[in-house]
Amino acid sequence: MSLPPPDAMNPADSDEGTPVSVKIRERVRAARKRFHANDNIADFIEPGELERLLDEVTEKMQGVLDSLVIDTAHDHNTTATARRVAKMYLTEVFKGRYVKGPTVTEFPNAEHLNELMIVGPITVRSACSHHFCPVIGKVWIGVLPNERTNVIGLSKYARLAEWIMGRPQIQEEAIIQLADLIQDKTSPDGLAIVMEATHYCMAWRGVKDMDSKMINSVMRGVFLKDPNLRREFLSLIPR
């Protein structure tokens, strides 16, 4: 039986067999967007593709185990490890790359609140983008609203933090991303974020120092300009 001419073939058939990761990557590149480890690419993933990506990562992870000379066919402890690791990366620890941000309901500042508000400590979990080792710590968020500031529920700060941290990250960039997101959602007069975390790329490997933590901060608006407000925020953080 003769095949139809190439221009008559279904476009869906022409890329059959192309890995779904390649299709997603091509869409991102066509849009001239980044796909760094800590970028969200959910806008470029079509319905059903995340499940296919899970299959692809499972296959690649099995190849890693094979190259580590682990007999997954006969070792009952690692028989399904490739699938478990793929699922962990795509649907848990790196979920913030592959799903859209949480829905955040914003309310007008009806009472014209203009006093310092602090949320935290919020427990956050991420992974360093250098070694994919866990980064676990706490975040404190300080907001100084004005009459035009949108008010969001306290739990939403935790959900936004979870979404940002659910990607391979370095701590310095992570809290900047979080600050940009909260600034965009609420438009306050001032925003301050402090993060303290243990990095297991330093505790589990390398120097194997279990006690070291990294602390960094982002100050925006009046927190940057007013040293008294900045001191008040820092003094109220229960560390």
Protein backbone atom coordinates (compact mmCIF):
# COMPACT_ATOMS: atom_id res chain seq x y z
CA MET A 1 0.00 0.00 0.00
CA SER A 2 1.44 3.37 -0.97
CA LEU A 3 1.90 6.07 1.67
CA PRO A 4 0.24 9.48 1.25
CA PRO A 5 2.51 12.31 0.11
CA PRO A 6 4.42 13.99 2.98
CA ASP A 7 2.31 17.17 2.86
CA ALA A 8 -0.85 15.10 3.31
CA MET A 9 0.35 13.38 6.48
CA ASN A 10 -1.05 14.33 9.85
CA PRO A 11 1.42 16.69 11.60
CA ALA A 12 0.93 14.64 14.78
CA ASP A 13 2.33 11.60 12.92
CA SER A 14 5.45 13.43 11.74
CA ASP A 15 6.86 13.84 15.25
CA GLU A 16 5.74 10.47 16.56
CA GLY A 17 8.59 9.00 18.52
CA THR A 18 10.07 12.39 19.42
CA PRO A 19 10.72 12.52 23.18
CA VAL A 20 8.25 14.77 24.94
CA SER A 21 11.13 16.63 26.62
CA VAL A 22 12.36 17.65 23.16
CA LYS A 23 8.92 18.98 22.18
CA ILE A 24 8.65 21.02 25.39
CA ARG A 25 12.18 22.36 24.98
CA GLU A 26 11.45 23.41 21.38
CA ARG A 27 8.36 25.34 22.49
CA VAL A 28 10.33 27.16 25.18
CA ARG A 29 13.07 28.08 22.72
CA ALA A 30 10.53 29.22 20.12
CA ALA A 31 9.10 31.60 22.73
CA ARG A 32 12.65 32.82 23.51
CA LYS A 33 12.24 31.92 27.16
CA ARG A 34 14.70 30.38 29.60
CA PHE A 35 14.45 26.89 31.01
CA HIS A 36 17.02 27.11 33.77
CA ALA A 37 16.73 24.78 36.74
CA ASN A 38 14.77 27.34 38.77
CA ASP A 39 12.44 28.47 35.97
CA ASN A 40 8.79 27.47 35.73
CA ILE A 41 7.92 25.94 32.33
CA ALA A 42 4.28 25.02 32.96
CA ASP A 43 3.04 27.27 30.13
CA PHE A 44 4.84 25.06 27.62
CA ILE A 45 3.53 21.70 28.82
CA GLU A 46 0.38 20.47 27.09
CA PRO A 47 -2.30 18.27 28.72
CA GLY A 48 -1.12 14.69 29.15
CA GLU A 49 2.55 15.50 28.56
CA LEU A 50 3.55 15.47 32.21
CA GLU A 51 2.60 11.78 32.41
CA ARG A 52 4.67 11.06 29.30
CA LEU A 53 7.55 13.06 30.74
CA LEU A 54 7.33 10.87 33.84
CA ASP A 55 7.77 7.79 31.63
CA GLU A 56 10.73 9.39 29.88
CA VAL A 57 12.49 10.37 33.12
CA THR A 58 11.85 6.87 34.50
CA GLU A 59 13.62 5.36 31.48
CA LYS A 60 16.56 7.76 31.79
CA MET A 61 16.80 7.16 35.55
CA GLN A 62 16.91 3.42 34.92
CA GLY A 63 19.90 4.09 32.69
CA VAL A 64 21.61 5.92 35.55
CA LEU A 65 21.04 2.95 37.87
CA ASP A 66 22.38 0.59 35.22
CA SER A 67 25.50 2.75 34.85
CA LEU A 68 25.93 2.67 38.64
CA VAL A 69 26.07 -1.14 38.26
CA ILE A 70 22.98 -1.76 40.40
CA ASP A 71 21.16 -4.99 39.60
CA THR A 72 17.62 -3.64 39.77
CA ALA A 73 16.26 -6.81 38.16
CA HIS A 74 17.20 -8.93 41.18
CA ASP A 75 17.59 -6.37 44.00
CA HIS A 76 14.13 -6.10 45.55
CA ASN A 77 15.06 -2.75 47.14
CA THR A 78 15.72 -1.03 43.81
CA THR A 79 13.29 -2.80 41.46
CA ALA A 80 11.02 0.28 41.20
CA THR A 81 13.55 2.92 42.23
CA ALA A 82 13.74 4.53 38.79
CA ARG A 83 9.99 5.17 38.78
CA ARG A 84 9.99 6.39 42.38
CA VAL A 85 12.81 8.86 41.72
CA ALA A 86 11.20 10.14 38.53
CA LYS A 87 7.89 10.64 40.32
CA MET A 88 9.64 12.36 43.24
CA TYR A 89 11.35 14.86 40.94
CA LEU A 90 8.38 15.67 38.70
CA THR A 91 5.47 15.62 41.17
CA GLU A 92 7.10 16.49 44.49
CA VAL A 93 10.49 18.14 44.99
CA PHE A 94 10.66 19.87 41.57
CA LYS A 95 6.92 20.30 41.11
CA GLY A 96 7.35 24.08 41.08
CA ARG A 97 8.91 23.82 37.60
CA TYR A 98 6.08 21.91 35.97
CA VAL A 99 2.81 23.26 37.38
CA LYS A 100 1.31 26.73 37.33
CA GLY A 101 1.46 28.85 40.46
CA PRO A 102 -1.16 28.49 43.19
CA THR A 103 -4.33 30.50 42.91
CA VAL A 104 -4.10 33.48 45.25
CA THR A 105 -7.25 35.41 46.11
CA GLU A 106 -6.47 39.07 46.69
CA PHE A 107 -8.63 41.38 48.78
CA PRO A 108 -8.58 45.18 48.93
CA ASN A 109 -7.10 46.76 52.04
CA ALA A 110 -10.52 47.95 53.24
CA GLU A 111 -9.31 48.95 56.72
CA HIS A 112 -6.27 50.80 55.34
CA LEU A 113 -3.87 48.67 57.35
CA ASN A 114 -0.40 50.20 57.47
CA GLU A 115 1.41 48.39 60.29
CA LEU A 116 4.17 45.83 60.02
CA MET A 117 2.99 42.26 59.51
CA ILE A 118 5.30 39.25 59.79
CA VAL A 119 4.53 35.74 58.54
CA GLY A 120 6.72 32.84 59.61
CA PRO A 121 8.58 30.75 60.20
CA ILE A 122 7.46 28.98 57.01
CA THR A 123 9.24 25.67 56.55
CA VAL A 124 10.63 25.39 53.02
CA ARG A 125 12.21 22.49 51.17
CA SER A 126 14.22 22.70 48.01
CA ALA A 127 17.30 21.18 46.40
CA CYS A 128 20.55 22.84 45.40
CA SER A 129 20.95 23.03 41.65
CA HIS A 130 24.62 22.05 41.92
CA HIS A 131 24.24 18.56 43.43
CA PHE A 132 20.44 18.07 43.76
CA CYS A 133 20.93 17.66 47.51
CA PRO A 134 18.18 18.87 49.87
CA VAL A 135 18.00 22.45 51.13
CA ILE A 136 15.69 22.65 54.15
CA GLY A 137 15.03 25.73 56.20
CA LYS A 138 12.66 28.47 57.28
CA VAL A 139 11.47 31.74 55.79
CA TRP A 140 10.13 34.86 57.50
CA ILE A 141 8.21 37.44 55.46
CA GLY A 142 7.62 41.03 56.57
CA VAL A 143 5.08 43.21 54.79
CA LEU A 144 4.29 46.88 55.32
CA PRO A 145 0.99 47.46 53.50
CA ASN A 146 -0.57 50.70 52.31
CA GLU A 147 -4.15 51.57 51.46
CA ARG A 148 -3.68 50.27 47.90
CA THR A 149 -2.00 47.01 48.94
CA ASN A 150 -3.79 43.79 48.12
CA VAL A 151 -4.30 41.56 51.16
CA ILE A 152 -3.79 37.81 50.79
CA GLY A 153 -4.47 34.99 53.25
CA LEU A 154 -1.62 33.90 55.54
CA SER A 155 -1.60 30.37 54.12
CA LYS A 156 -1.01 31.78 50.64
CA TYR A 157 2.43 33.03 51.64
CA ALA A 158 3.35 29.43 52.47
CA ARG A 159 1.92 28.16 49.18
CA LEU A 160 3.83 30.77 47.17
CA ALA A 161 7.03 29.87 49.03
CA GLU A 162 6.45 26.16 48.39
CA TRP A 163 5.94 26.80 44.66
CA ILE A 164 9.13 28.86 44.33
CA MET A 165 11.23 26.48 46.42
CA GLY A 166 9.94 23.40 44.56
CA ARG A 167 12.71 23.69 41.97
CA PRO A 168 16.47 23.15 41.94
CA GLN A 169 17.61 26.42 43.49
CA ILE A 170 20.39 28.35 45.08
CA GLN A 171 19.21 30.16 48.18
CA GLU A 172 20.32 33.63 47.06
CA GLU A 173 18.17 33.46 43.91
CA ALA A 174 15.25 31.67 45.55
CA ILE A 175 14.30 34.45 47.94
CA ILE A 176 14.65 37.05 45.20
CA GLN A 177 12.15 35.06 43.12
CA LEU A 178 9.86 34.83 46.16
CA ALA A 179 10.18 38.56 46.84
CA ASP A 180 9.37 39.41 43.21
CA LEU A 181 6.28 37.19 43.32
CA ILE A 182 4.93 38.61 46.60
CA GLN A 183 5.71 42.16 45.45
CA ASP A 184 3.71 41.55 42.29
CA LYS A 185 0.76 40.03 44.18
CA THR A 186 0.48 42.61 46.98
CA SER A 187 2.30 45.85 45.98
CA PRO A 188 3.21 46.86 49.56
CA ASP A 189 5.22 49.89 50.68
CA GLY A 190 7.85 47.52 52.00
CA LEU A 191 8.77 43.85 51.79
CA ALA A 192 11.39 41.95 53.75
CA ILE A 193 12.30 38.28 53.57
CA VAL A 194 14.83 36.34 55.63
CA MET A 195 15.72 32.72 54.93
CA GLU A 196 17.78 30.36 57.08
CA ALA A 197 18.55 26.90 55.70
CA THR A 198 20.70 23.82 55.99
CA HIS A 199 22.33 22.75 52.74
CA TYR A 200 22.90 19.02 52.52
CA CYS A 201 25.39 19.45 49.69
CA MET A 202 27.56 20.70 52.55
CA ALA A 203 26.29 18.42 55.31
CA TRP A 204 25.96 15.12 53.44
CA ARG A 205 28.96 15.43 51.14
CA GLY A 206 31.99 17.70 50.75
CA VAL A 207 33.12 19.01 54.14
CA LYS A 208 30.24 17.13 55.84
CA ASP A 209 29.55 20.02 58.22
CA MET A 210 26.19 19.30 59.86
CA ASP A 211 25.96 22.55 61.86
CA SER A 212 26.45 25.26 59.24
CA LYS A 213 23.45 27.21 58.01
CA MET A 214 23.06 29.93 55.42
CA ILE A 215 21.09 33.06 56.27
CA ASN A 216 20.26 35.74 53.74
CA SER A 217 17.73 38.48 53.27
CA VAL A 218 15.97 40.67 50.75
CA MET A 219 14.78 44.16 51.69
CA ARG A 220 12.49 46.20 49.45
CA GLY A 221 10.92 49.64 49.69
CA VAL A 222 10.78 51.22 53.13
CA PHE A 223 12.64 48.28 54.69
CA LEU A 224 15.61 49.31 52.59
CA LYS A 225 15.28 53.03 53.37
CA ASP A 226 14.22 53.00 57.04
CA PRO A 227 16.80 51.40 59.38
CA ASN A 228 14.38 51.56 62.35
CA LEU A 229 11.74 49.55 60.52
CA ARG A 230 14.39 47.08 59.38
CA ARG A 231 15.64 46.65 62.95
CA GLU A 232 12.05 46.15 64.18
CA PHE A 233 11.47 43.40 61.65
CA LEU A 234 14.73 41.62 62.44
CA SER A 235 14.20 41.91 66.20
CA LEU A 236 10.74 40.33 65.95
CA ILE A 237 12.00 37.23 64.15
CA PRO A 238 12.12 34.50 66.86
CA ARG A 239 15.48 32.92 66.16
